[in-house]
PDB file of all heavy atoms in Angstrom:
ATOM      1  N   LYS A   1     157.878 141.713 -80.511  1.00  0.00           N
ATOM      2  CA  LYS A   1     156.777 142.538 -80.982  1.00  0.00           C
ATOM      3  C   LYS A   1     156.524 143.740 -80.141  1.00  0.00           C
ATOM      4  O   LYS A   1     156.297 144.851 -80.603  1.00  0.00           O
ATOM      5  CB  LYS A   1     155.506 141.716 -81.167  1.00  0.00           C
ATOM      6  CG  LYS A   1     154.321 142.463 -81.776  1.00  0.00           C
ATOM      7  CD  LYS A   1     153.164 141.565 -81.895  1.00  0.00           C
ATOM      8  CE  LYS A   1     151.989 142.285 -82.560  1.00  0.00           C
ATOM      9  NZ  LYS A   1     150.836 141.399 -82.666  1.00  0.00           N
ATOM     10  N   GLU A   2     156.636 143.583 -78.816  1.00  0.00           N
ATOM     11  CA  GLU A   2     156.399 144.622 -77.854  1.00  0.00           C
ATOM     12  C   GLU A   2     157.508 145.644 -77.943  1.00  0.00           C
ATOM     13  O   GLU A   2     157.249 146.871 -77.860  1.00  0.00           O
ATOM     14  CB  GLU A   2     156.320 144.098 -76.368  1.00  0.00           C
ATOM     15  CG  GLU A   2     155.106 143.216 -76.126  1.00  0.00           C
ATOM     16  CD  GLU A   2     155.137 142.640 -74.738  1.00  0.00           C
ATOM     17  OE1 GLU A   2     156.128 142.906 -73.948  1.00  0.00           O
ATOM     18  OE2 GLU A   2     154.152 142.053 -74.280  1.00  0.00           O
ATOM     19  N   TRP A   3     158.703 145.176 -78.193  1.00  0.00           N
ATOM     20  CA  TRP A   3     159.892 146.133 -78.352  1.00  0.00           C
ATOM     21  C   TRP A   3     159.665 147.025 -79.596  1.00  0.00           C
ATOM     22  O   TRP A   3     159.877 148.172 -79.561  1.00  0.00           O
ATOM     23  CB  TRP A   3     161.175 145.291 -78.438  1.00  0.00           C
ATOM     24  CG  TRP A   3     162.353 146.170 -78.680  1.00  0.00           C
ATOM     25  CD1 TRP A   3     163.056 146.834 -77.717  1.00  0.00           C
ATOM     26  CD2 TRP A   3     163.040 146.450 -79.914  1.00  0.00           C
ATOM     27  NE1 TRP A   3     164.132 147.505 -78.246  1.00  0.00           N
ATOM     28  CE2 TRP A   3     164.151 147.291 -79.580  1.00  0.00           C
ATOM     29  CE3 TRP A   3     162.867 146.010 -81.207  1.00  0.00           C
ATOM     30  CZ2 TRP A   3     164.978 147.780 -80.569  1.00  0.00           C
ATOM     31  CZ3 TRP A   3     163.737 146.495 -82.188  1.00  0.00           C
ATOM     32  CH2 TRP A   3     164.758 147.300 -81.861  1.00  0.00           C
ATOM     33  N   LEU A   4     159.221 146.424 -80.723  1.00  0.00           N
ATOM     34  CA  LEU A   4     158.958 147.094 -81.911  1.00  0.00           C
ATOM     35  C   LEU A   4     157.841 148.124 -81.723  1.00  0.00           C
ATOM     36  O   LEU A   4     157.947 149.314 -82.200  1.00  0.00           O
ATOM     37  CB  LEU A   4     158.599 146.172 -83.080  1.00  0.00           C
ATOM     38  CG  LEU A   4     159.783 145.332 -83.677  1.00  0.00           C
ATOM     39  CD1 LEU A   4     159.291 144.364 -84.705  1.00  0.00           C
ATOM     40  CD2 LEU A   4     160.870 146.272 -84.262  1.00  0.00           C
ATOM     41  N   LEU A   5     156.846 147.737 -81.058  1.00  0.00           N
ATOM     42  CA  LEU A   5     155.669 148.675 -80.777  1.00  0.00           C
ATOM     43  C   LEU A   5     156.133 149.824 -79.898  1.00  0.00           C
ATOM     44  O   LEU A   5     155.662 150.979 -80.103  1.00  0.00           O
ATOM     45  CB  LEU A   5     154.574 147.886 -80.036  1.00  0.00           C
ATOM     46  CG  LEU A   5     153.775 146.900 -80.928  1.00  0.00           C
ATOM     47  CD1 LEU A   5     152.752 146.142 -80.032  1.00  0.00           C
ATOM     48  CD2 LEU A   5     153.024 147.624 -82.095  1.00  0.00           C
ATOM     49  N   SER A   6     157.071 149.525 -78.985  1.00  0.00           N
ATOM     50  CA  SER A   6     157.567 150.610 -78.136  1.00  0.00           C
ATOM     51  C   SER A   6     158.400 151.605 -78.948  1.00  0.00           C
ATOM     52  O   SER A   6     158.317 152.766 -78.750  1.00  0.00           O
ATOM     53  CB  SER A   6     158.451 149.960 -76.973  1.00  0.00           C
ATOM     54  OG  SER A   6     159.022 151.015 -76.289  1.00  0.00           O
ATOM     55  N   ILE A   7     159.183 151.093 -79.880  1.00  0.00           N
ATOM     56  CA  ILE A   7     160.015 151.952 -80.757  1.00  0.00           C
ATOM     57  C   ILE A   7     159.135 152.815 -81.604  1.00  0.00           C
ATOM     58  O   ILE A   7     159.357 154.006 -81.731  1.00  0.00           O
ATOM     59  CB  ILE A   7     160.959 151.086 -81.642  1.00  0.00           C
ATOM     60  CG1 ILE A   7     162.059 150.409 -80.739  1.00  0.00           C
ATOM     61  CG2 ILE A   7     161.620 151.941 -82.691  1.00  0.00           C
ATOM     62  CD1 ILE A   7     162.998 151.292 -80.022  1.00  0.00           C
ATOM     63  N   VAL A   8     158.073 152.160 -82.233  1.00  0.00           N
ATOM     64  CA  VAL A   8     157.142 152.941 -83.056  1.00  0.00           C
ATOM     65  C   VAL A   8     156.486 153.965 -82.225  1.00  0.00           C
ATOM     66  O   VAL A   8     156.281 155.150 -82.702  1.00  0.00           O
ATOM     67  CB  VAL A   8     156.184 151.953 -83.718  1.00  0.00           C
ATOM     68  CG1 VAL A   8     155.072 152.835 -84.414  1.00  0.00           C
ATOM     69  CG2 VAL A   8     156.859 151.083 -84.669  1.00  0.00           C
ATOM     70  N   ASP A   9     156.040 153.631 -80.999  1.00  0.00           N
ATOM     71  CA  ASP A   9     155.371 154.606 -80.134  1.00  0.00           C
ATOM     72  C   ASP A   9     156.268 155.784 -79.802  1.00  0.00           C
ATOM     73  O   ASP A   9     155.783 156.935 -79.812  1.00  0.00           O
ATOM     74  CB  ASP A   9     154.896 153.880 -78.883  1.00  0.00           C
ATOM     75  CG  ASP A   9     154.107 154.842 -78.000  1.00  0.00           C
ATOM     76  OD1 ASP A   9     153.077 155.335 -78.398  1.00  0.00           O
ATOM     77  OD2 ASP A   9     154.593 155.107 -76.830  1.00  0.00           O
ATOM     78  N   GLN A  10     157.522 155.506 -79.554  1.00  0.00           N
ATOM     79  CA  GLN A  10     158.489 156.602 -79.181  1.00  0.00           C
ATOM     80  C   GLN A  10     158.669 157.495 -80.441  1.00  0.00           C
ATOM     81  O   GLN A  10     158.757 158.712 -80.351  1.00  0.00           O
ATOM     82  CB  GLN A  10     159.817 155.994 -78.743  1.00  0.00           C
ATOM     83  CG  GLN A  10     159.787 155.332 -77.406  1.00  0.00           C
ATOM     84  CD  GLN A  10     161.140 154.834 -76.980  1.00  0.00           C
ATOM     85  OE1 GLN A  10     162.123 155.485 -77.214  1.00  0.00           O
ATOM     86  NE2 GLN A  10     161.144 153.612 -76.391  1.00  0.00           N
ATOM     87  N   PHE A  11     158.802 156.880 -81.615  1.00  0.00           N
ATOM     88  CA  PHE A  11     158.950 157.686 -82.847  1.00  0.00           C
ATOM     89  C   PHE A  11     157.767 158.559 -83.046  1.00  0.00           C
ATOM     90  O   PHE A  11     157.937 159.741 -83.395  1.00  0.00           O
ATOM     91  CB  PHE A  11     159.155 156.749 -84.047  1.00  0.00           C
ATOM     92  CG  PHE A  11     159.371 157.406 -85.334  1.00  0.00           C
ATOM     93  CD1 PHE A  11     160.654 157.836 -85.669  1.00  0.00           C
ATOM     94  CD2 PHE A  11     158.291 157.717 -86.185  1.00  0.00           C
ATOM     95  CE1 PHE A  11     160.833 158.494 -86.925  1.00  0.00           C
ATOM     96  CE2 PHE A  11     158.515 158.388 -87.383  1.00  0.00           C
ATOM     97  CZ  PHE A  11     159.795 158.777 -87.709  1.00  0.00           C
ATOM     98  N   ASN A  12     156.594 158.006 -82.918  1.00  0.00           N
ATOM     99  CA  ASN A  12     155.333 158.805 -83.127  1.00  0.00           C
ATOM    100  C   ASN A  12     155.283 159.946 -82.125  1.00  0.00           C
ATOM    101  O   ASN A  12     154.900 161.064 -82.424  1.00  0.00           O
ATOM    102  CB  ASN A  12     154.120 157.883 -82.922  1.00  0.00           C
ATOM    103  CG  ASN A  12     153.904 156.957 -84.171  1.00  0.00           C
ATOM    104  OD1 ASN A  12     154.373 157.281 -85.297  1.00  0.00           O
ATOM    105  ND2 ASN A  12     153.249 155.878 -83.966  1.00  0.00           N
ATOM    106  N   THR A  13     155.636 159.634 -80.836  1.00  0.00           N
ATOM    107  CA  THR A  13     155.581 160.681 -79.823  1.00  0.00           C
ATOM    108  C   THR A  13     156.610 161.795 -80.101  1.00  0.00           C
ATOM    109  O   THR A  13     156.313 162.943 -79.913  1.00  0.00           O
ATOM    110  CB  THR A  13     155.878 160.073 -78.441  1.00  0.00           C
ATOM    111  OG1 THR A  13     154.977 159.014 -78.164  1.00  0.00           O
ATOM    112  CG2 THR A  13     155.849 161.109 -77.367  1.00  0.00           C
ATOM    113  N   ALA A  14     157.797 161.405 -80.626  1.00  0.00           N
ATOM    114  CA  ALA A  14     158.837 162.336 -80.829  1.00  0.00           C
ATOM    115  C   ALA A  14     158.575 163.217 -82.079  1.00  0.00           C
ATOM    116  O   ALA A  14     158.866 164.423 -82.098  1.00  0.00           O
ATOM    117  CB  ALA A  14     160.168 161.643 -81.012  1.00  0.00           C
ATOM    118  N   PHE A  15     157.976 162.640 -83.168  1.00  0.00           N
ATOM    119  CA  PHE A  15     157.946 163.395 -84.436  1.00  0.00           C
ATOM    120  C   PHE A  15     156.497 163.571 -85.051  1.00  0.00           C
ATOM    121  O   PHE A  15     156.261 164.618 -85.566  1.00  0.00           O
ATOM    122  CB  PHE A  15     158.806 162.711 -85.482  1.00  0.00           C
ATOM    123  CG  PHE A  15     160.259 162.573 -85.183  1.00  0.00           C
ATOM    124  CD1 PHE A  15     160.871 161.413 -85.074  1.00  0.00           C
ATOM    125  CD2 PHE A  15     160.976 163.750 -84.941  1.00  0.00           C
ATOM    126  CE1 PHE A  15     162.249 161.326 -84.773  1.00  0.00           C
ATOM    127  CE2 PHE A  15     162.306 163.711 -84.621  1.00  0.00           C
ATOM    128  CZ  PHE A  15     162.967 162.457 -84.533  1.00  0.00           C
ATOM    129  N   ILE A  16     155.641 162.614 -84.831  1.00  0.00           N
ATOM    130  CA  ILE A  16     154.339 162.635 -85.499  1.00  0.00           C
ATOM    131  C   ILE A  16     153.344 163.462 -84.712  1.00  0.00           C
ATOM    132  O   ILE A  16     152.633 164.307 -85.288  1.00  0.00           O
ATOM    133  CB  ILE A  16     153.850 161.241 -85.798  1.00  0.00           C
ATOM    134  CG1 ILE A  16     154.887 160.368 -86.524  1.00  0.00           C
ATOM    135  CG2 ILE A  16     152.559 161.277 -86.540  1.00  0.00           C
ATOM    136  CD1 ILE A  16     155.309 161.018 -87.794  1.00  0.00           C
ATOM    137  N   VAL A  17     153.234 163.193 -83.430  1.00  0.00           N
ATOM    138  CA  VAL A  17     152.213 163.857 -82.595  1.00  0.00           C
ATOM    139  C   VAL A  17     152.454 165.388 -82.597  1.00  0.00           C
ATOM    140  O   VAL A  17     153.593 165.869 -82.406  1.00  0.00           O
ATOM    141  CB  VAL A  17     152.282 163.328 -81.127  1.00  0.00           C
ATOM    142  CG1 VAL A  17     151.353 164.161 -80.248  1.00  0.00           C
ATOM    143  CG2 VAL A  17     151.987 161.911 -81.096  1.00  0.00           C
ATOM    144  N   ASP A  18     151.398 166.103 -82.874  1.00  0.00           N
ATOM    145  CA  ASP A  18     151.495 167.596 -82.980  1.00  0.00           C
ATOM    146  C   ASP A  18     152.450 168.142 -83.951  1.00  0.00           C
ATOM    147  O   ASP A  18     153.020 169.253 -83.820  1.00  0.00           O
ATOM    148  CB  ASP A  18     151.750 168.231 -81.517  1.00  0.00           C
ATOM    149  CG  ASP A  18     150.708 167.874 -80.503  1.00  0.00           C
ATOM    150  OD1 ASP A  18     149.558 167.739 -80.932  1.00  0.00           O
ATOM    151  OD2 ASP A  18     151.053 167.824 -79.346  1.00  0.00           O
ATOM    152  N   ASP A  19     152.787 167.290 -84.977  1.00  0.00           N
ATOM    153  CA  ASP A  19     153.749 167.687 -86.017  1.00  0.00           C
ATOM    154  C   ASP A  19     155.103 168.145 -85.449  1.00  0.00           C
ATOM    155  O   ASP A  19     155.587 169.202 -85.898  1.00  0.00           O
ATOM    156  CB  ASP A  19     153.136 168.848 -86.898  1.00  0.00           C
ATOM    157  CG  ASP A  19     151.921 168.334 -87.765  1.00  0.00           C
ATOM    158  OD1 ASP A  19     151.881 167.148 -88.040  1.00  0.00           O
ATOM    159  OD2 ASP A  19     151.132 169.143 -88.081  1.00  0.00           O
ATOM    160  N   ARG A  20     155.572 167.423 -84.462  1.00  0.00           N
ATOM    161  CA  ARG A  20     156.848 167.859 -83.848  1.00  0.00           C
ATOM    162  C   ARG A  20     157.995 167.789 -84.799  1.00  0.00           C
ATOM    163  O   ARG A  20     159.118 168.339 -84.501  1.00  0.00           O
ATOM    164  CB  ARG A  20     157.060 166.999 -82.563  1.00  0.00           C
ATOM    165  CG  ARG A  20     156.102 167.354 -81.440  1.00  0.00           C
ATOM    166  CD  ARG A  20     156.137 166.402 -80.348  1.00  0.00           C
ATOM    167  NE  ARG A  20     155.083 166.739 -79.324  1.00  0.00           N
ATOM    168  CZ  ARG A  20     154.551 165.883 -78.569  1.00  0.00           C
ATOM    169  NH1 ARG A  20     154.917 164.614 -78.533  1.00  0.00           N
ATOM    170  NH2 ARG A  20     153.559 166.231 -77.735  1.00  0.00           N
ATOM    171  N   TRP A  21     157.913 167.015 -85.886  1.00  0.00           N
ATOM    172  CA  TRP A  21     158.962 167.027 -86.909  1.00  0.00           C
ATOM    173  C   TRP A  21     159.249 168.387 -87.408  1.00  0.00           C
ATOM    174  O   TRP A  21     160.424 168.645 -87.916  1.00  0.00           O
ATOM    175  CB  TRP A  21     158.588 166.067 -88.023  1.00  0.00           C
ATOM    176  CG  TRP A  21     157.337 166.354 -88.689  1.00  0.00           C
ATOM    177  CD1 TRP A  21     156.054 165.924 -88.365  1.00  0.00           C
ATOM    178  CD2 TRP A  21     157.139 167.227 -89.850  1.00  0.00           C
ATOM    179  NE1 TRP A  21     155.122 166.427 -89.226  1.00  0.00           N
ATOM    180  CE2 TRP A  21     155.732 167.304 -90.160  1.00  0.00           C
ATOM    181  CE3 TRP A  21     158.017 167.965 -90.611  1.00  0.00           C
ATOM    182  CZ2 TRP A  21     155.190 168.039 -91.165  1.00  0.00           C
ATOM    183  CZ3 TRP A  21     157.498 168.746 -91.655  1.00  0.00           C
ATOM    184  CH2 TRP A  21     156.126 168.759 -91.922  1.00  0.00           C
ATOM    185  N   LYS A  22     158.321 169.296 -87.346  1.00  0.00           N
ATOM    186  CA  LYS A  22     158.563 170.653 -87.821  1.00  0.00           C
ATOM    187  C   LYS A  22     159.640 171.373 -87.065  1.00  0.00           C
ATOM    188  O   LYS A  22     160.296 172.327 -87.606  1.00  0.00           O
ATOM    189  CB  LYS A  22     157.210 171.444 -87.816  1.00  0.00           C
ATOM    190  CG  LYS A  22     156.243 170.973 -88.820  1.00  0.00           C
ATOM    191  CD  LYS A  22     154.918 171.824 -88.816  1.00  0.00           C
ATOM    192  CE  LYS A  22     153.920 171.317 -89.833  1.00  0.00           C
ATOM    193  NZ  LYS A  22     152.709 172.181 -89.869  1.00  0.00           N
ATOM    194  N   TYR A  23     159.853 171.018 -85.785  1.00  0.00           N
ATOM    195  CA  TYR A  23     160.909 171.649 -85.056  1.00  0.00           C
ATOM    196  C   TYR A  23     162.266 171.301 -85.731  1.00  0.00           C
ATOM    197  O   TYR A  23     163.200 172.158 -85.725  1.00  0.00           O
ATOM    198  CB  TYR A  23     160.890 171.102 -83.639  1.00  0.00           C
ATOM    199  CG  TYR A  23     159.749 171.594 -82.760  1.00  0.00           C
ATOM    200  CD1 TYR A  23     158.840 170.792 -82.294  1.00  0.00           C
ATOM    201  CD2 TYR A  23     159.658 172.992 -82.494  1.00  0.00           C
ATOM    202  CE1 TYR A  23     157.718 171.207 -81.480  1.00  0.00           C
ATOM    203  CE2 TYR A  23     158.525 173.467 -81.729  1.00  0.00           C
ATOM    204  CZ  TYR A  23     157.617 172.575 -81.199  1.00  0.00           C
ATOM    205  OH  TYR A  23     156.568 172.992 -80.458  1.00  0.00           O
ATOM    206  N   ILE A  24     162.366 170.102 -86.266  1.00  0.00           N
ATOM    207  CA  ILE A  24     163.640 169.672 -86.936  1.00  0.00           C
ATOM    208  C   ILE A  24     163.737 170.352 -88.257  1.00  0.00           C
ATOM    209  O   ILE A  24     164.878 170.860 -88.622  1.00  0.00           O
ATOM    210  CB  ILE A  24     163.622 168.117 -87.132  1.00  0.00           C
ATOM    211  CG1 ILE A  24     163.537 167.356 -85.788  1.00  0.00           C
ATOM    212  CG2 ILE A  24     164.858 167.714 -87.850  1.00  0.00           C
ATOM    213  CD1 ILE A  24     164.657 167.604 -84.857  1.00  0.00           C
ATOM    214  N   THR A  25     162.711 170.453 -89.029  1.00  0.00           N
ATOM    215  CA  THR A  25     162.844 171.128 -90.321  1.00  0.00           C
ATOM    216  C   THR A  25     163.123 172.591 -90.176  1.00  0.00           C
ATOM    217  O   THR A  25     163.862 173.191 -90.955  1.00  0.00           O
ATOM    218  CB  THR A  25     161.530 170.876 -91.187  1.00  0.00           C
ATOM    219  OG1 THR A  25     160.377 171.385 -90.445  1.00  0.00           O
ATOM    220  CG2 THR A  25     161.354 169.432 -91.454  1.00  0.00           C
ATOM    221  N   LYS A  26     162.459 173.246 -89.205  1.00  0.00           N
ATOM    222  CA  LYS A  26     162.714 174.662 -88.907  1.00  0.00           C
ATOM    223  C   LYS A  26     164.133 174.823 -88.498  1.00  0.00           C
ATOM    224  O   LYS A  26     164.822 175.782 -88.896  1.00  0.00           O
ATOM    225  CB  LYS A  26     161.726 175.153 -87.906  1.00  0.00           C
ATOM    226  CG  LYS A  26     161.959 176.622 -87.601  1.00  0.00           C
ATOM    227  CD  LYS A  26     161.040 177.081 -86.502  1.00  0.00           C
ATOM    228  CE  LYS A  26     161.293 178.582 -86.107  1.00  0.00           C
ATOM    229  NZ  LYS A  26     160.409 179.084 -85.015  1.00  0.00           N
ATOM    230  N   GLY A  27     164.612 173.929 -87.595  1.00  0.00           N
ATOM    231  CA  GLY A  27     165.964 173.999 -87.143  1.00  0.00           C
ATOM    232  C   GLY A  27     166.953 173.782 -88.256  1.00  0.00           C
ATOM    233  O   GLY A  27     168.013 174.493 -88.310  1.00  0.00           O
ATOM    234  N   LEU A  28     166.643 172.910 -89.161  1.00  0.00           N
ATOM    235  CA  LEU A  28     167.566 172.698 -90.330  1.00  0.00           C
ATOM    236  C   LEU A  28     167.662 173.932 -91.192  1.00  0.00           C
ATOM    237  O   LEU A  28     168.734 174.357 -91.628  1.00  0.00           O
ATOM    238  CB  LEU A  28     167.018 171.512 -91.234  1.00  0.00           C
ATOM    239  CG  LEU A  28     167.796 171.232 -92.521  1.00  0.00           C
ATOM    240  CD1 LEU A  28     169.235 170.903 -92.265  1.00  0.00           C
ATOM    241  CD2 LEU A  28     167.092 170.138 -93.236  1.00  0.00           C
ATOM    242  N   GLY A  29     166.539 174.621 -91.435  1.00  0.00           N
ATOM    243  CA  GLY A  29     166.532 175.869 -92.245  1.00  0.00           C
ATOM    244  C   GLY A  29     167.400 176.935 -91.510  1.00  0.00           C
ATOM    245  O   GLY A  29     168.167 177.660 -92.130  1.00  0.00           O
ATOM    246  N   ASN A  30     167.239 177.050 -90.191  1.00  0.00           N
ATOM    247  CA  ASN A  30     167.927 178.107 -89.432  1.00  0.00           C
ATOM    248  C   ASN A  30     169.424 177.734 -89.355  1.00  0.00           C
ATOM    249  O   ASN A  30     170.285 178.635 -89.477  1.00  0.00           O
ATOM    250  CB  ASN A  30     167.427 178.186 -87.980  1.00  0.00           C
ATOM    251  CG  ASN A  30     166.079 178.915 -87.911  1.00  0.00           C
ATOM    252  OD1 ASN A  30     165.766 179.712 -88.835  1.00  0.00           O
ATOM    253  ND2 ASN A  30     165.314 178.657 -86.921  1.00  0.00           N
TER     254      ASN A  30
END
């Protein structure tokens, strides 16, 4: 359970927080 929580936390930090997923979508368009 702790491992899954860690994975979810890393995912959120990488993409969800501050809408960081937009860097990927902008990069895809470019």
